[in-house]
PDB file of N, CA and C in Angstrom:
ATOM      1  N   MET A   1      41.312 -48.990  87.612  1.00  0.00           N
ATOM      2  CA  MET A   1      41.187 -48.223  86.388  1.00  0.00           C
ATOM      3  C   MET A   1      42.553 -47.604  86.054  1.00  0.00           C
ATOM      4  N   ALA A   2      43.015 -47.834  84.854  1.00  0.00           N
ATOM      5  CA  ALA A   2      44.330 -47.353  84.414  1.00  0.00           C
ATOM      6  C   ALA A   2      44.291 -45.859  84.134  1.00  0.00           C
ATOM      7  N   ARG A   3      45.382 -45.210  84.472  1.00  0.00           N
ATOM      8  CA  ARG A   3      45.484 -43.774  84.206  1.00  0.00           C
ATOM      9  C   ARG A   3      45.889 -43.531  82.757  1.00  0.00           C
ATOM     10  N   LYS A   4      45.431 -42.407  82.235  1.00  0.00           N
ATOM     11  CA  LYS A   4      45.821 -41.998  80.884  1.00  0.00           C
ATOM     12  C   LYS A   4      47.230 -41.417  80.945  1.00  0.00           C
ATOM     13  N   PRO A   5      48.036 -41.613  79.884  1.00  0.00           N
ATOM     14  CA  PRO A   5      49.401 -41.061  79.879  1.00  0.00           C
ATOM     15  C   PRO A   5      49.441 -39.542  79.997  1.00  0.00           C
ATOM     16  N   THR A   6      48.352 -38.876  79.625  1.00  0.00           N
ATOM     17  CA  THR A   6      48.323 -37.411  79.672  1.00  0.00           C
ATOM     18  C   THR A   6      47.785 -36.884  81.002  1.00  0.00           C
ATOM     19  N   GLU A   7      47.321 -37.762  81.860  1.00  0.00           N
ATOM     20  CA  GLU A   7      46.745 -37.367  83.145  1.00  0.00           C
ATOM     21  C   GLU A   7      47.856 -36.912  84.100  1.00  0.00           C
ATOM     22  N   TYR A   8      47.600 -35.833  84.853  1.00  0.00           N
ATOM     23  CA  TYR A   8      48.563 -35.363  85.846  1.00  0.00           C
ATOM     24  C   TYR A   8      48.336 -36.127  87.142  1.00  0.00           C
ATOM     25  N   VAL A   9      49.432 -36.576  87.741  1.00  0.00           N
ATOM     26  CA  VAL A   9      49.349 -37.319  89.000  1.00  0.00           C
ATOM     27  C   VAL A   9      50.373 -36.740  89.975  1.00  0.00           C
ATOM     28  N   GLN A  10      50.105 -36.958  91.253  1.00  0.00           N
ATOM     29  CA  GLN A  10      51.053 -36.505  92.256  1.00  0.00           C
ATOM     30  C   GLN A  10      52.172 -37.538  92.356  1.00  0.00           C
ATOM     31  N   PHE A  11      53.412 -37.036  92.437  1.00  0.00           N
ATOM     32  CA  PHE A  11      54.585 -37.904  92.496  1.00  0.00           C
ATOM     33  C   PHE A  11      55.448 -37.413  93.648  1.00  0.00           C
ATOM     34  N   LYS A  12      55.441 -38.174  94.727  1.00  0.00           N
ATOM     35  CA  LYS A  12      56.220 -37.764  95.900  1.00  0.00           C
ATOM     36  C   LYS A  12      57.669 -38.181  95.690  1.00  0.00           C
ATOM     37  N   LEU A  13      58.564 -37.272  96.058  1.00  0.00           N
ATOM     38  CA  LEU A  13      59.978 -37.485  95.792  1.00  0.00           C
ATOM     39  C   LEU A  13      60.784 -36.986  96.981  1.00  0.00           C
ATOM     40  N   ARG A  14      61.741 -37.790  97.432  1.00  0.00           N
ATOM     41  CA  ARG A  14      62.620 -37.364  98.524  1.00  0.00           C
ATOM     42  C   ARG A  14      63.912 -36.835  97.913  1.00  0.00           C
ATOM     43  N   ILE A  15      64.218 -35.570  98.232  1.00  0.00           N
ATOM     44  CA  ILE A  15      65.456 -34.968  97.743  1.00  0.00           C
ATOM     45  C   ILE A  15      66.116 -34.203  98.888  1.00  0.00           C
ATOM     46  N   ARG A  16      67.395 -33.899  98.735  1.00  0.00           N
ATOM     47  CA  ARG A  16      68.095 -33.090  99.731  1.00  0.00           C
ATOM     48  C   ARG A  16      67.512 -31.671  99.739  1.00  0.00           C
ATOM     49  N   GLU A  17      67.554 -31.042 100.894  1.00  0.00           N
ATOM     50  CA  GLU A  17      67.045 -29.673 101.026  1.00  0.00           C
ATOM     51  C   GLU A  17      67.812 -28.727 100.109  1.00  0.00           C
ATOM     52  N   SER A  18      69.110 -28.932  99.989  1.00  0.00           N
ATOM     53  CA  SER A  18      69.916 -28.052  99.130  1.00  0.00           C
ATOM     54  C   SER A  18      69.453 -28.144  97.675  1.00  0.00           C
ATOM     55  N   PHE A  19      69.058 -29.335  97.268  1.00  0.00           N
ATOM     56  CA  PHE A  19      68.571 -29.535  95.898  1.00  0.00           C
ATOM     57  C   PHE A  19      67.222 -28.842  95.709  1.00  0.00           C
ATOM     58  N   ARG A  20      66.344 -28.957  96.730  1.00  0.00           N
ATOM     59  CA  ARG A  20      65.035 -28.293  96.664  1.00  0.00           C
ATOM     60  C   ARG A  20      65.221 -26.785  96.555  1.00  0.00           C
ATOM     61  N   LEU A  21      66.196 -26.255  97.294  1.00  0.00           N
ATOM     62  CA  LEU A  21      66.444 -24.814  97.258  1.00  0.00           C
ATOM     63  C   LEU A  21      66.984 -24.374  95.890  1.00  0.00           C
ATOM     64  N   GLN A  22      67.789 -25.215  95.265  1.00  0.00           N
ATOM     65  CA  GLN A  22      68.272 -24.901  93.908  1.00  0.00           C
ATOM     66  C   GLN A  22      67.110 -24.848  92.922  1.00  0.00           C
ATOM     67  N   ILE A  23      66.213 -25.815  93.018  1.00  0.00           N
ATOM     68  CA  ILE A  23      65.038 -25.841  92.126  1.00  0.00           C
ATOM     69  C   ILE A  23      64.179 -24.615  92.377  1.00  0.00           C
ATOM     70  N   LYS A  24      63.980 -24.292  93.634  1.00  0.00           N
ATOM     71  CA  LYS A  24      63.161 -23.122  93.988  1.00  0.00           C
ATOM     72  C   LYS A  24      63.778 -21.842  93.430  1.00  0.00           C
ATOM     73  N   ALA A  25      65.092 -21.688  93.577  1.00  0.00           N
ATOM     74  CA  ALA A  25      65.774 -20.484  93.086  1.00  0.00           C
ATOM     75  C   ALA A  25      65.667 -20.381  91.558  1.00  0.00           C
ATOM     76  N   ALA A  26      65.855 -21.515  90.862  1.00  0.00           N
ATOM     77  CA  ALA A  26      65.736 -21.510  89.397  1.00  0.00           C
ATOM     78  C   ALA A  26      64.315 -21.158  88.982  1.00  0.00           C
ATOM     79  N   ALA A  27      63.339 -21.664  89.710  1.00  0.00           N
ATOM     80  CA  ALA A  27      61.929 -21.381  89.397  1.00  0.00           C
ATOM     81  C   ALA A  27      61.618 -19.900  89.611  1.00  0.00           C
ATOM     82  N   GLU A  28      62.136 -19.344  90.683  1.00  0.00           N
ATOM     83  CA  GLU A  28      61.894 -17.916  90.956  1.00  0.00           C
ATOM     84  C   GLU A  28      62.487 -17.035  89.865  1.00  0.00           C
ATOM     85  N   LYS A  29      63.660 -17.427  89.348  1.00  0.00           N
ATOM     86  CA  LYS A  29      64.276 -16.662  88.261  1.00  0.00           C
ATOM     87  C   LYS A  29      63.383 -16.643  87.025  1.00  0.00           C
ATOM     88  N   LYS A  30      62.723 -17.774  86.786  1.00  0.00           N
ATOM     89  CA  LYS A  30      61.866 -17.892  85.596  1.00  0.00           C
ATOM     90  C   LYS A  30      60.421 -17.499  85.895  1.00  0.00           C
ATOM     91  N   LYS A  31      60.182 -17.135  87.134  1.00  0.00           N
ATOM     92  CA  LYS A  31      58.844 -16.706  87.566  1.00  0.00           C
ATOM     93  C   LYS A  31      57.783 -17.794  87.347  1.00  0.00           C
ATOM     94  N   HIS A  32      58.138 -19.001  87.750  1.00  0.00           N
ATOM     95  CA  HIS A  32      57.131 -20.068  87.783  1.00  0.00           C
ATOM     96  C   HIS A  32      57.374 -20.953  89.003  1.00  0.00           C
ATOM     97  N   SER A  33      56.529 -21.939  89.197  1.00  0.00           N
ATOM     98  CA  SER A  33      56.597 -22.744  90.414  1.00  0.00           C
ATOM     99  C   SER A  33      57.767 -23.721  90.400  1.00  0.00           C
ATOM    100  N   ALA A  34      58.153 -24.147  91.593  1.00  0.00           N
ATOM    101  CA  ALA A  34      59.207 -25.152  91.730  1.00  0.00           C
ATOM    102  C   ALA A  34      58.760 -26.460  91.069  1.00  0.00           C
ATOM    103  N   ASN A  35      57.482 -26.758  91.131  1.00  0.00           N
ATOM    104  CA  ASN A  35      56.965 -27.976  90.505  1.00  0.00           C
ATOM    105  C   ASN A  35      57.194 -27.938  88.992  1.00  0.00           C
ATOM    106  N   ILE A  36      56.849 -26.808  88.370  1.00  0.00           N
ATOM    107  CA  ILE A  36      57.043 -26.671  86.918  1.00  0.00           C
ATOM    108  C   ILE A  36      58.523 -26.793  86.586  1.00  0.00           C
ATOM    109  N   GLU A  37      59.377 -26.156  87.381  1.00  0.00           N
ATOM    110  CA  GLU A  37      60.825 -26.223  87.141  1.00  0.00           C
ATOM    111  C   GLU A  37      61.323 -27.657  87.224  1.00  0.00           C
ATOM    112  N   ALA A  38      60.911 -28.381  88.243  1.00  0.00           N
ATOM    113  CA  ALA A  38      61.354 -29.772  88.427  1.00  0.00           C
ATOM    114  C   ALA A  38      60.854 -30.653  87.285  1.00  0.00           C
ATOM    115  N   VAL A  39      59.591 -30.491  86.911  1.00  0.00           N
ATOM    116  CA  VAL A  39      59.013 -31.302  85.823  1.00  0.00           C
ATOM    117  C   VAL A  39      59.721 -31.006  84.505  1.00  0.00           C
ATOM    118  N   GLU A  40      59.953 -29.719  84.198  1.00  0.00           N
ATOM    119  CA  GLU A  40      60.641 -29.366  82.948  1.00  0.00           C
ATOM    120  C   GLU A  40      62.047 -29.953  82.903  1.00  0.00           C
ATOM    121  N   ARG A  41      62.742 -29.894  84.032  1.00  0.00           N
ATOM    122  CA  ARG A  41      64.104 -30.437  84.070  1.00  0.00           C
ATOM    123  C   ARG A  41      64.113 -31.956  83.919  1.00  0.00           C
ATOM    124  N   LEU A  42      63.158 -32.619  84.541  1.00  0.00           N
ATOM    125  CA  LEU A  42      63.064 -34.079  84.375  1.00  0.00           C
ATOM    126  C   LEU A  42      62.741 -34.437  82.923  1.00  0.00           C
ATOM    127  N   GLU A  43      61.806 -33.694  82.312  1.00  0.00           N
ATOM    128  CA  GLU A  43      61.454 -33.952  80.910  1.00  0.00           C
ATOM    129  C   GLU A  43      62.652 -33.736  79.994  1.00  0.00           C
ATOM    130  N   ARG A  44      63.403 -32.637  80.226  1.00  0.00           N
ATOM    131  CA  ARG A  44      64.597 -32.380  79.404  1.00  0.00           C
ATOM    132  C   ARG A  44      65.628 -33.494  79.564  1.00  0.00           C
ATOM    133  N   SER A  45      65.791 -33.960  80.778  1.00  0.00           N
ATOM    134  CA  SER A  45      66.757 -35.029  81.035  1.00  0.00           C
ATOM    135  C   SER A  45      66.373 -36.306  80.291  1.00  0.00           C
ATOM    136  N   LEU A  46      65.091 -36.673  80.337  1.00  0.00           N
ATOM    137  CA  LEU A  46      64.636 -37.873  79.623  1.00  0.00           C
ATOM    138  C   LEU A  46      64.754 -37.686  78.109  1.00  0.00           C
ATOM    139  N   LYS A  47      64.427 -36.486  77.623  1.00  0.00           N
ATOM    140  CA  LYS A  47      64.544 -36.200  76.187  1.00  0.00           C
ATOM    141  C   LYS A  47      65.997 -36.284  75.747  1.00  0.00           C
ATOM    142  N   ARG A  48      66.908 -35.773  76.571  1.00  0.00           N
ATOM    143  CA  ARG A  48      68.331 -35.826  76.258  1.00  0.00           C
ATOM    144  C   ARG A  48      68.806 -37.282  76.170  1.00  0.00           C
ATOM    145  N   ASP A  49      68.308 -38.136  77.070  1.00  0.00           N
ATOM    146  CA  ASP A  49      68.653 -39.566  77.021  1.00  0.00           C
ATOM    147  C   ASP A  49      68.147 -40.201  75.721  1.00  0.00           C
ATOM    148  N   GLU A  50      66.900 -39.871  75.348  1.00  0.00           N
ATOM    149  CA  GLU A  50      66.343 -40.401  74.089  1.00  0.00           C
ATOM    150  C   GLU A  50      67.170 -39.926  72.891  1.00  0.00           C
ATOM    151  N   ASP A  51      67.521 -38.630  72.904  1.00  0.00           N
ATOM    152  CA  ASP A  51      68.330 -38.069  71.814  1.00  0.00           C
ATOM    153  C   ASP A  51      69.693 -38.749  71.741  1.00  0.00           C
ATOM    154  N   SER A  52      70.283 -38.991  72.899  1.00  0.00           N
ATOM    155  CA  SER A  52      71.591 -39.642  72.955  1.00  0.00           C
ATOM    156  C   SER A  52      71.510 -41.052  72.363  1.00  0.00           C
ATOM    157  N   ASP A  53      70.451 -41.779  72.707  1.00  0.00           N
ATOM    158  CA  ASP A  53      70.264 -43.124  72.146  1.00  0.00           C
ATOM    159  C   ASP A  53      70.109 -43.063  70.635  1.00  0.00           C
ATOM    160  N   LEU A  54      69.331 -42.098  70.161  1.00  0.00           N
ATOM    161  CA  LEU A  54      69.123 -41.932  68.726  1.00  0.00           C
ATOM    162  C   LEU A  54      70.438 -41.606  68.024  1.00  0.00           C
ATOM    163  N   ILE A  55      71.228 -40.723  68.627  1.00  0.00           N
ATOM    164  CA  ILE A  55      72.525 -40.350  68.047  1.00  0.00           C
ATOM    165  C   ILE A  55      73.447 -41.564  68.001  1.00  0.00           C
ATOM    166  N   GLN A  56      73.449 -42.363  69.054  1.00  0.00           N
ATOM    167  CA  GLN A  56      74.296 -43.560  69.070  1.00  0.00           C
ATOM    168  C   GLN A  56      73.882 -44.543  67.978  1.00  0.00           C
ATOM    169  N   ARG A  57      72.583 -44.752  67.799  1.00  0.00           N
ATOM    170  CA  ARG A  57      72.122 -45.666  66.746  1.00  0.00           C
ATOM    171  C   ARG A  57      72.455 -45.117  65.363  1.00  0.00           C
ATOM    172  N   ALA A  58      72.254 -43.816  65.172  1.00  0.00           N
ATOM    173  CA  ALA A  58      72.573 -43.202  63.876  1.00  0.00           C
ATOM    174  C   ALA A  58      74.076 -43.277  63.602  1.00  0.00           C
ATOM    175  N   SER A  59      74.880 -43.043  64.624  1.00  0.00           N
ATOM    176  CA  SER A  59      76.332 -43.113  64.466  1.00  0.00           C
ATOM    177  C   SER A  59      76.774 -44.522  64.092  1.00  0.00           C
ATOM    178  N   ALA A  60      76.182 -45.511  64.747  1.00  0.00           N
ATOM    179  CA  ALA A  60      76.532 -46.903  64.438  1.00  0.00           C
ATOM    180  C   ALA A  60      76.157 -47.233  62.994  1.00  0.00           C
ATOM    181  N   ALA A  61      75.016 -46.741  62.534  1.00  0.00           N
ATOM    182  CA  ALA A  61      74.595 -46.984  61.150  1.00  0.00           C
ATOM    183  C   ALA A  61      75.546 -46.298  60.175  1.00  0.00           C
ATOM    184  N   ILE A  62      75.973 -45.093  60.501  1.00  0.00           N
ATOM    185  CA  ILE A  62      76.908 -44.364  59.632  1.00  0.00           C
ATOM    186  C   ILE A  62      78.241 -45.101  59.554  1.00  0.00           C
ATOM    187  N   VAL A  63      78.729 -45.576  60.698  1.00  0.00           N
ATOM    188  CA  VAL A  63      79.996 -46.314  60.715  1.00  0.00           C
ATOM    189  C   VAL A  63      79.875 -47.579  59.865  1.00  0.00           C
ATOM    190  N   GLU A  64      78.755 -48.276  59.979  1.00  0.00           N
ATOM    191  CA  GLU A  64      78.557 -49.498  59.181  1.00  0.00           C
ATOM    192  C   GLU A  64      78.509 -49.162  57.685  1.00  0.00           C
ATOM    193  N   ASP A  65      77.823 -48.079  57.331  1.00  0.00           N
ATOM    194  CA  ASP A  65      77.792 -47.644  55.927  1.00  0.00           C
ATOM    195  C   ASP A  65      79.196 -47.304  55.428  1.00  0.00           C
ATOM    196  N   MET A  66      79.970 -46.630  56.262  1.00  0.00           N
ATOM    197  CA  MET A  66      81.337 -46.267  55.866  1.00  0.00           C
ATOM    198  C   MET A  66      82.192 -47.521  55.670  1.00  0.00           C
ATOM    199  N   ARG A  67      81.993 -48.524  56.514  1.00  0.00           N
ATOM    200  CA  ARG A  67      82.741 -49.779  56.345  1.00  0.00           C
ATOM    201  C   ARG A  67      82.381 -50.446  55.020  1.00  0.00           C
ATOM    202  N   ARG A  68      81.077 -50.439  54.696  1.00  0.00           N
ATOM    203  CA  ARG A  68      80.655 -51.033  53.420  1.00  0.00           C
ATOM    204  C   ARG A  68      81.233 -50.256  52.243  1.00  0.00           C
ATOM    205  N   ILE A  69      81.212 -48.937  52.330  1.00  0.00           N
ATOM    206  CA  ILE A  69      81.766 -48.103  51.252  1.00  0.00           C
ATOM    207  C   ILE A  69      83.263 -48.373  51.097  1.00  0.00           C
ATOM    208  N   LEU A  70      83.971 -48.465  52.210  1.00  0.00           N
ATOM    209  CA  LEU A  70      85.402 -48.754  52.161  1.00  0.00           C
ATOM    210  C   LEU A  70      85.661 -50.109  51.511  1.00  0.00           C
ATOM    211  N   ALA A  71      84.873 -51.104  51.880  1.00  0.00           N
ATOM    212  CA  ALA A  71      85.035 -52.434  51.284  1.00  0.00           C
ATOM    213  C   ALA A  71      84.784 -52.383  49.775  1.00  0.00           C
ATOM    214  N   LEU A  72      83.734 -51.680  49.369  1.00  0.00           N
ATOM    215  CA  LEU A  72      83.436 -51.551  47.939  1.00  0.00           C
ATOM    216  C   LEU A  72      84.555 -50.796  47.215  1.00  0.00           C
ATOM    217  N   THR A  73      85.096 -49.767  47.874  1.00  0.00           N
ATOM    218  CA  THR A  73      86.191 -49.001  47.282  1.00  0.00           C
ATOM    219  C   THR A  73      87.412 -49.888  47.078  1.00  0.00           C
ATOM    220  N   GLU A  74      87.729 -50.693  48.081  1.00  0.00           N
ATOM    221  CA  GLU A  74      88.868 -51.603  47.972  1.00  0.00           C
ATOM    222  C   GLU A  74      88.644 -52.624  46.861  1.00  0.00           C
ATOM    223  N   GLU A  75      87.413 -53.143  46.762  1.00  0.00           N
ATOM    224  CA  GLU A  75      87.093 -54.087  45.679  1.00  0.00           C
ATOM    225  C   GLU A  75      87.273 -53.420  44.317  1.00  0.00           C
ATOM    226  N   ARG A  76      86.777 -52.171  44.204  1.00  0.00           N
ATOM    227  CA  ARG A  76      86.882 -51.448  42.936  1.00  0.00           C
ATOM    228  C   ARG A  76      88.337 -51.163  42.588  1.00  0.00           C
ATOM    229  N   LYS A  77      89.144 -50.800  43.593  1.00  0.00           N
ATOM    230  CA  LYS A  77      90.568 -50.560  43.349  1.00  0.00           C
ATOM    231  C   LYS A  77      91.238 -51.824  42.812  1.00  0.00           C
ATOM    232  N   ALA A  78      90.928 -52.952  43.444  1.00  0.00           N
ATOM    233  CA  ALA A  78      91.534 -54.214  43.006  1.00  0.00           C
ATOM    234  C   ALA A  78      91.095 -54.541  41.582  1.00  0.00           C
ATOM    235  N   LYS A  79      89.812 -54.329  41.285  1.00  0.00           N
ATOM    236  CA  LYS A  79      89.301 -54.596  39.941  1.00  0.00           C
ATOM    237  C   LYS A  79      89.950 -53.672  38.919  1.00  0.00           C
ATOM    238  N   ASN A  80      90.102 -52.400  39.274  1.00  0.00           N
ATOM    239  CA  ASN A  80      90.729 -51.433  38.366  1.00  0.00           C
ATOM    240  C   ASN A  80      92.192 -51.782  38.115  1.00  0.00           C
ATOM    241  N   GLU A  81      92.889 -52.213  39.169  1.00  0.00           N
ATOM    242  CA  GLU A  81      94.290 -52.581  38.999  1.00  0.00           C
ATOM    243  C   GLU A  81      94.411 -53.808  38.100  1.00  0.00           C
ATOM    244  N   LYS A  82      93.510 -54.757  38.276  1.00  0.00           N
ATOM    245  CA  LYS A  82      93.521 -55.953  37.424  1.00  0.00           C
ATOM    246  C   LYS A  82      93.269 -55.557  35.961  1.00  0.00           C
ATOM    247  N   MET A  83      92.320 -54.650  35.754  1.00  0.00           N
ATOM    248  CA  MET A  83      92.012 -54.191  34.408  1.00  0.00           C
ATOM    249  C   MET A  83      93.197 -53.430  33.814  1.00  0.00           C
ATOM    250  N   ARG A  84      93.857 -52.593  34.639  1.00  0.00           N
ATOM    251  CA  ARG A  84      95.020 -51.840  34.162  1.00  0.00           C
ATOM    252  C   ARG A  84      96.136 -52.787  33.731  1.00  0.00           C
ATOM    253  N   LEU A  85      96.371 -53.815  34.532  1.00  0.00           N
ATOM    254  CA  LEU A  85      97.417 -54.781  34.178  1.00  0.00           C
ATOM    255  C   LEU A  85      97.076 -55.524  32.882  1.00  0.00           C
ATOM    256  N   GLN A  86      95.796 -55.854  32.707  1.00  0.00           N
ATOM    257  CA  GLN A  86      95.368 -56.518  31.479  1.00  0.00           C
ATOM    258  C   GLN A  86      95.562 -55.594  30.276  1.00  0.00           C
ATOM    259  N   MET A  87      95.198 -54.325  30.436  1.00  0.00           N
ATOM    260  CA  MET A  87      95.369 -53.361  29.337  1.00  0.00           C
ATOM    261  C   MET A  87      96.851 -53.181  29.004  1.00  0.00           C
ATOM    262  N   GLU A  88      97.673 -53.129  30.052  1.00  0.00           N
ATOM    263  CA  GLU A  88      99.112 -52.987  29.849  1.00  0.00           C
ATOM    264  C   GLU A  88      99.661 -54.186  29.073  1.00  0.00           C
ATOM    265  N   LYS A  89      99.192 -55.369  29.421  1.00  0.00           N
ATOM    266  CA  LYS A  89      99.623 -56.590  28.738  1.00  0.00           C
ATOM    267  C   LYS A  89      99.202 -56.554  27.263  1.00  0.00           C
ATOM    268  N   GLU A  90      97.953 -56.152  27.017  1.00  0.00           N
ATOM    269  CA  GLU A  90      97.456 -56.063  25.642  1.00  0.00           C
ATOM    270  C   GLU A  90      98.210 -54.983  24.864  1.00  0.00           C
ATOM    271  N   LEU A  91      98.533 -53.874  25.529  1.00  0.00           N
ATOM    272  CA  LEU A  91      99.281 -52.803  24.887  1.00  0.00           C
ATOM    273  C   LEU A  91     100.676 -53.300  24.485  1.00  0.00           C
ATOM    274  N   GLU A  92     101.335 -54.001  25.381  1.00  0.00           N
ATOM    275  CA  GLU A  92     102.670 -54.536  25.068  1.00  0.00           C
ATOM    276  C   GLU A  92     102.606 -55.471  23.870  1.00  0.00           C
ATOM    277  N   HIS A  93     101.563 -56.293  23.824  1.00  0.00           N
ATOM    278  CA  HIS A  93     101.403 -57.212  22.687  1.00  0.00           C
ATOM    279  C   HIS A  93     101.179 -56.422  21.386  1.00  0.00           C
ATOM    280  N   ALA A  94     100.381 -55.362  21.464  1.00  0.00           N
ATOM    281  CA  ALA A  94     100.079 -54.556  20.279  1.00  0.00           C
ATOM    282  C   ALA A  94     101.292 -53.747  19.817  1.00  0.00           C
ATOM    283  N   LEU A  95     102.219 -53.432  20.735  1.00  0.00           N
ATOM    284  CA  LEU A  95     103.373 -52.601  20.391  1.00  0.00           C
ATOM    285  C   LEU A  95     104.540 -53.380  19.797  1.00  0.00           C
ATOM    286  N   VAL A  96     104.441 -54.687  19.728  1.00  0.00           N
ATOM    287  CA  VAL A  96     105.551 -55.500  19.192  1.00  0.00           C
ATOM    288  C   VAL A  96     105.962 -55.032  17.801  1.00  0.00           C
ATOM    289  N   PRO A  97     105.017 -54.815  16.859  1.00  0.00           N
ATOM    290  CA  PRO A  97     105.451 -54.406  15.516  1.00  0.00           C
ATOM    291  C   PRO A  97     105.805 -52.922  15.372  1.00  0.00           C
ATOM    292  N   VAL A  98     105.661 -52.117  16.430  1.00  0.00           N
ATOM    293  CA  VAL A  98     105.881 -50.674  16.346  1.00  0.00           C
ATOM    294  C   VAL A  98     107.345 -50.357  16.678  1.00  0.00           C
ATOM    295  N   ASP A  99     107.875 -49.280  16.041  1.00  0.00           N
ATOM    296  CA  ASP A  99     109.279 -48.911  16.296  1.00  0.00           C
ATOM    297  C   ASP A  99     109.460 -48.523  17.771  1.00  0.00           C
ATOM    298  N   PRO A 100     110.650 -48.693  18.336  1.00  0.00           N
ATOM    299  CA  PRO A 100     110.898 -48.480  19.762  1.00  0.00           C
ATOM    300  C   PRO A 100     110.552 -47.069  20.267  1.00  0.00           C
ATOM    301  N   ALA A 101     110.824 -46.038  19.497  1.00  0.00           N
ATOM    302  CA  ALA A 101     110.536 -44.667  19.948  1.00  0.00           C
ATOM    303  C   ALA A 101     109.030 -44.448  20.091  1.00  0.00           C
ATOM    304  N   THR A 102     108.268 -44.910  19.115  1.00  0.00           N
ATOM    305  CA  THR A 102     106.804 -44.779  19.177  1.00  0.00           C
ATOM    306  C   THR A 102     106.261 -45.614  20.322  1.00  0.00           C
ATOM    307  N   ALA A 103     106.778 -46.807  20.504  1.00  0.00           N
ATOM    308  CA  ALA A 103     106.334 -47.686  21.587  1.00  0.00           C
ATOM    309  C   ALA A 103     106.596 -47.032  22.944  1.00  0.00           C
ATOM    310  N   ALA A 104     107.761 -46.409  23.118  1.00  0.00           N
ATOM    311  CA  ALA A 104     108.092 -45.739  24.370  1.00  0.00           C
ATOM    312  C   ALA A 104     107.143 -44.567  24.630  1.00  0.00           C
ATOM    313  N   TYR A 105     106.823 -43.827  23.567  1.00  0.00           N
ATOM    314  CA  TYR A 105     105.890 -42.700  23.682  1.00  0.00           C
ATOM    315  C   TYR A 105     104.509 -43.194  24.106  1.00  0.00           C
ATOM    316  N   ILE A 106     104.041 -44.255  23.472  1.00  0.00           N
ATOM    317  CA  ILE A 106     102.713 -44.810  23.784  1.00  0.00           C
ATOM    318  C   ILE A 106     102.694 -45.347  25.216  1.00  0.00           C
ATOM    319  N   ARG A 107     103.778 -46.013  25.644  1.00  0.00           N
ATOM    320  CA  ARG A 107     103.859 -46.505  27.031  1.00  0.00           C
ATOM    321  C   ARG A 107     103.786 -45.332  28.028  1.00  0.00           C
ATOM    322  N   ALA A 108     104.486 -44.247  27.716  1.00  0.00           N
ATOM    323  CA  ALA A 108     104.472 -43.078  28.595  1.00  0.00           C
ATOM    324  C   ALA A 108     103.072 -42.473  28.668  1.00  0.00           C
ATOM    325  N   LEU A 109     102.392 -42.394  27.515  1.00  0.00           N
ATOM    326  CA  LEU A 109     101.012 -41.895  27.507  1.00  0.00           C
ATOM    327  C   LEU A 109     100.108 -42.790  28.339  1.00  0.00           C
ATOM    328  N   PHE A 110     100.269 -44.089  28.170  1.00  0.00           N
ATOM    329  CA  PHE A 110      99.458 -45.048  28.919  1.00  0.00           C
ATOM    330  C   PHE A 110      99.714 -44.902  30.423  1.00  0.00           C
ATOM    331  N   ALA A 111     100.976 -44.771  30.827  1.00  0.00           N
ATOM    332  CA  ALA A 111     101.321 -44.613  32.244  1.00  0.00           C
ATOM    333  C   ALA A 111     100.698 -43.332  32.803  1.00  0.00           C
ATOM    334  N   HIS A 112     100.780 -42.254  32.024  1.00  0.00           N
ATOM    335  CA  HIS A 112     100.185 -40.988  32.451  1.00  0.00           C
ATOM    336  C   HIS A 112      98.665 -41.108  32.549  1.00  0.00           C
ATOM    337  N   TRP A 113      98.058 -41.710  31.549  1.00  0.00           N
ATOM    338  CA  TRP A 113      96.603 -41.854  31.505  1.00  0.00           C
ATOM    339  C   TRP A 113      96.110 -42.693  32.677  1.00  0.00           C
ATOM    340  N   THR A 114      96.789 -43.781  33.002  1.00  0.00           N
ATOM    341  CA  THR A 114      96.332 -44.640  34.104  1.00  0.00           C
ATOM    342  C   THR A 114      96.588 -44.007  35.464  1.00  0.00           C
ATOM    343  N   ALA A 115      97.469 -43.010  35.541  1.00  0.00           N
ATOM    344  CA  ALA A 115      97.751 -42.342  36.815  1.00  0.00           C
ATOM    345  C   ALA A 115      96.780 -41.206  37.105  1.00  0.00           C
ATOM    346  N   LEU A 116      96.038 -40.744  36.094  1.00  0.00           N
ATOM    347  CA  LEU A 116      95.113 -39.630  36.281  1.00  0.00           C
ATOM    348  C   LEU A 116      93.953 -40.044  37.183  1.00  0.00           C
ATOM    349  N   PRO A 117      93.531 -39.121  38.076  1.00  0.00           N
ATOM    350  CA  PRO A 117      92.338 -39.424  38.888  1.00  0.00           C
ATOM    351  C   PRO A 117      91.118 -39.440  37.985  1.00  0.00           C
ATOM    352  N   ARG A 118      90.218 -40.326  38.277  1.00  0.00           N
ATOM    353  CA  ARG A 118      89.009 -40.473  37.459  1.00  0.00           C
ATOM    354  C   ARG A 118      87.782 -40.103  38.264  1.00  0.00           C
ATOM    355  N   GLU A 119      86.835 -39.455  37.603  1.00  0.00           N
ATOM    356  CA  GLU A 119      85.534 -39.234  38.206  1.00  0.00           C
ATOM    357  C   GLU A 119      84.722 -40.489  38.043  1.00  0.00           C
ATOM    358  N   GLU A 120      84.033 -40.869  39.120  1.00  0.00           N
ATOM    359  CA  GLU A 120      83.188 -42.052  39.046  1.00  0.00           C
ATOM    360  C   GLU A 120      81.922 -41.706  38.264  1.00  0.00           C
ATOM    361  N   PRO A 121      81.512 -42.583  37.364  1.00  0.00           N
ATOM    362  CA  PRO A 121      80.256 -42.329  36.652  1.00  0.00           C
ATOM    363  C   PRO A 121      79.095 -42.426  37.622  1.00  0.00           C
ATOM    364  N   ASN A 122      78.057 -41.642  37.362  1.00  0.00           N
ATOM    365  CA  ASN A 122      76.862 -41.713  38.198  1.00  0.00           C
ATOM    366  C   ASN A 122      76.202 -43.070  37.995  1.00  0.00           C
ATOM    367  N   SER A 123      76.069 -43.793  39.098  1.00  0.00           N
ATOM    368  CA  SER A 123      75.402 -45.107  38.992  1.00  0.00           C
ATOM    369  C   SER A 123      73.961 -44.938  39.417  1.00  0.00           C
ATOM    370  N   LYS A 124      73.082 -45.124  38.470  1.00  0.00           N
ATOM    371  CA  LYS A 124      71.644 -44.955  38.751  1.00  0.00           C
ATOM    372  C   LYS A 124      70.940 -46.276  38.629  1.00  0.00           C
TER     373      LYS A 124
END
């Protein structure tokens, strides 16, 4: 007959006497039995291992997301630079009939405008 996971069972364990005395002393400080102290410490240790595994998986997922974001950012930068060069080319073509002083002013405005940081539109 299989035991239930919630059933209490006796678990014999061989440990050094010095270790048993440490558990006993910690239990006395907390005013409970050495058995309770040992069980609580084992449970905390297993929980810490589970938490560590969860943190490692979450960290790996975050790193992968950051890599994807970086790749998308690089793609967007390349696309923006291509668009800027196209606009610059079209601007130069449009400025052919304009006097040199006005053309220089418009080029300076364009250079300033393309250098400004842009807020990304909310993509929904």
